[in-house]
Amino acid sequence: MAVSPAYRDYLSDLFAPLGEIAIRTMFGGAGVYHKDQFFALVIGERIYLKTDDRTRPAFEREGSKPFVYQTKDGEQSSHTYLELPARLLDDPEELKVWARDAYEAAIRAKGKKSQSKKKKGRPLDTSDLPLVQPRKKRVT
């Protein structure tokens, strides 16, 4: 379900205390960005914030549900995006804290991806390999 222009304006106002916010259309919903970092997902009128091991327990204490989507293999859920607790919509100061935590979780996740990419491109350490004599040329 697409996000209406009026709801996009609402989201911009909602997250404005965090700083500059961009709302971009994505897979039937919208992504919320701060400093070009994707930290929230909006589907219909449900807002899901990025979580990680540090922030997920607070969402679980609030009873937040994960983002659920359909694939050809059936229904899947993302435990990295959990629904924003409804009570925060009436508390801009606390919402700002949760949004900043989501932004920081997204930054940490990006750092983990960068580290794993670095490991893949690392040169092979040959110091532990046995030395092998070069092949001798055959004389014909």
Protein backbone atom coordinates (compact mmCIF):
# COMPACT_ATOMS: atom_id res chain seq x y z
CA MET A 1 0.00 0.00 0.00
CA ALA A 2 1.49 3.33 -1.05
CA VAL A 3 2.08 6.04 1.51
CA SER A 4 -0.09 9.10 0.83
CA PRO A 5 1.44 12.58 0.49
CA ALA A 6 -0.41 13.66 3.65
CA TYR A 7 1.08 10.75 5.62
CA ARG A 8 4.53 11.53 4.22
CA ASP A 9 4.14 15.08 5.57
CA TYR A 10 3.05 13.64 8.92
CA LEU A 11 6.17 11.42 9.00
CA SER A 12 8.41 14.38 8.20
CA ASP A 13 6.88 16.33 11.08
CA LEU A 14 7.01 13.30 13.40
CA PHE A 15 10.74 12.70 12.88
CA ALA A 16 11.73 16.39 12.45
CA PRO A 17 13.21 16.62 15.98
CA LEU A 18 15.90 14.15 14.83
CA GLY A 19 17.08 16.58 12.17
CA GLU A 20 16.93 16.50 8.39
CA ILE A 21 14.58 13.72 7.25
CA ALA A 22 13.96 12.30 3.78
CA ILE A 23 11.03 10.07 2.91
CA ARG A 24 11.61 7.85 -0.12
CA THR A 25 9.17 5.49 -1.80
CA MET A 26 10.15 1.84 -1.64
CA PHE A 27 8.40 -1.51 -2.29
CA GLY A 28 4.86 -0.28 -1.74
CA GLY A 29 5.76 1.78 1.29
CA ALA A 30 8.34 4.34 2.25
CA GLY A 31 11.76 4.50 3.82
CA VAL A 32 12.67 7.16 6.35
CA TYR A 33 16.24 8.46 6.10
CA HIS A 34 18.35 10.68 8.31
CA LYS A 35 21.71 11.83 6.92
CA ASP A 36 21.19 9.41 4.00
CA GLN A 37 20.88 6.46 6.42
CA PHE A 38 17.73 4.32 6.18
CA PHE A 39 16.42 3.78 9.73
CA ALA A 40 12.65 3.35 9.48
CA LEU A 41 10.23 1.55 7.20
CA VAL A 42 6.62 2.61 6.66
CA ILE A 43 4.05 0.22 5.24
CA GLY A 44 0.48 1.47 5.13
CA GLU A 45 0.34 3.57 8.26
CA ARG A 46 2.61 1.36 10.33
CA ILE A 47 6.07 2.56 11.25
CA TYR A 48 8.88 0.07 11.86
CA LEU A 49 12.22 1.16 13.30
CA LYS A 50 15.60 -0.49 12.74
CA THR A 51 16.73 -2.53 15.74
CA ASP A 52 19.74 -4.56 16.75
CA ASP A 53 20.80 -6.54 19.81
CA ARG A 54 21.17 -3.32 21.83
CA THR A 55 17.76 -1.83 21.03
CA ARG A 56 15.52 -4.86 20.40
CA PRO A 57 14.82 -5.58 24.12
CA ALA A 58 13.08 -2.20 24.58
CA PHE A 59 10.78 -2.98 21.63
CA GLU A 60 10.07 -6.46 22.98
CA ARG A 61 9.15 -5.01 26.40
CA GLU A 62 6.63 -2.79 24.57
CA GLY A 63 5.17 -5.80 22.72
CA SER A 64 6.22 -4.47 19.30
CA LYS A 65 5.58 -6.76 16.37
CA PRO A 66 8.13 -7.41 13.61
CA PHE A 67 7.70 -6.25 10.04
CA VAL A 68 6.02 -9.11 8.14
CA TYR A 69 6.12 -9.52 4.38
CA GLN A 70 5.09 -12.09 1.79
CA THR A 71 7.52 -14.04 -0.36
CA LYS A 72 6.97 -16.84 -2.84
CA ASP A 73 7.85 -19.21 0.03
CA GLY A 74 5.17 -17.74 2.31
CA GLU A 75 5.11 -15.19 5.08
CA GLN A 76 8.44 -13.94 6.44
CA SER A 77 9.20 -11.60 9.30
CA SER A 78 12.10 -9.26 9.91
CA HIS A 79 13.35 -9.10 13.46
CA THR A 80 15.53 -6.13 12.58
CA TYR A 81 12.53 -3.85 11.95
CA LEU A 82 10.00 -3.71 14.79
CA GLU A 83 6.85 -1.64 15.01
CA LEU A 84 7.06 1.73 16.71
CA PRO A 85 5.10 1.59 20.01
CA ALA A 86 1.91 3.63 19.51
CA ARG A 87 2.35 5.51 22.79
CA LEU A 88 5.42 7.26 21.32
CA LEU A 89 3.26 9.08 18.78
CA ASP A 90 2.06 11.28 21.67
CA ASP A 91 5.52 11.78 23.20
CA PRO A 92 7.82 13.65 20.78
CA GLU A 93 10.78 13.73 23.19
CA GLU A 94 10.80 9.98 23.77
CA LEU A 95 10.09 9.32 20.09
CA LYS A 96 13.21 11.32 19.26
CA VAL A 97 15.26 9.02 21.55
CA TRP A 98 13.85 5.88 19.91
CA ALA A 99 14.39 7.31 16.41
CA ARG A 100 17.99 8.22 17.25
CA ASP A 101 18.53 4.70 18.61
CA ALA A 102 17.13 3.27 15.35
CA TYR A 103 19.43 5.52 13.33
CA GLU A 104 22.43 4.39 15.41
CA ALA A 105 21.40 0.72 15.02
CA ALA A 106 21.36 1.25 11.25
CA ILE A 107 24.85 2.79 11.41
CA ARG A 108 26.13 -0.16 13.47
CA ALA A 109 24.60 -2.62 10.99
CA LYS A 110 26.26 -0.79 8.11
CA GLY A 111 29.59 -1.04 9.93
CA LYS A 112 29.19 -4.81 10.33
CA LYS A 113 28.51 -5.17 6.60
CA SER A 114 31.59 -3.11 5.75
CA GLN A 115 33.75 -5.28 8.01
CA SER A 116 32.50 -8.50 6.45
CA LYS A 117 33.21 -7.13 2.96
CA LYS A 118 36.74 -6.27 4.03
CA LYS A 119 37.30 -9.83 5.22
CA LYS A 120 36.18 -11.25 1.87
CA GLY A 121 38.65 -9.14 -0.07
CA ARG A 122 41.60 -9.88 2.20
CA PRO A 123 44.68 -11.37 0.49
CA LEU A 124 45.49 -14.98 1.21
CA ASP A 125 48.05 -15.47 4.00
CA THR A 126 50.56 -17.91 2.53
CA SER A 127 52.95 -17.94 5.47
CA ASP A 128 51.53 -21.24 6.78
CA LEU A 129 51.59 -23.05 3.44
CA PRO A 130 54.35 -25.60 2.84
CA LEU A 131 57.00 -24.72 0.32
CA VAL A 132 56.79 -26.67 -2.91
CA GLN A 133 59.61 -27.19 -5.33
CA PRO A 134 58.97 -25.82 -8.79
CA ARG A 135 58.39 -28.38 -11.54
CA LYS A 136 61.39 -29.46 -13.48
CA LYS A 137 61.24 -29.04 -17.20
CA ARG A 138 61.12 -32.25 -19.16
CA VAL A 139 63.86 -32.89 -21.58
CA THR A 140 62.61 -34.35 -24.85
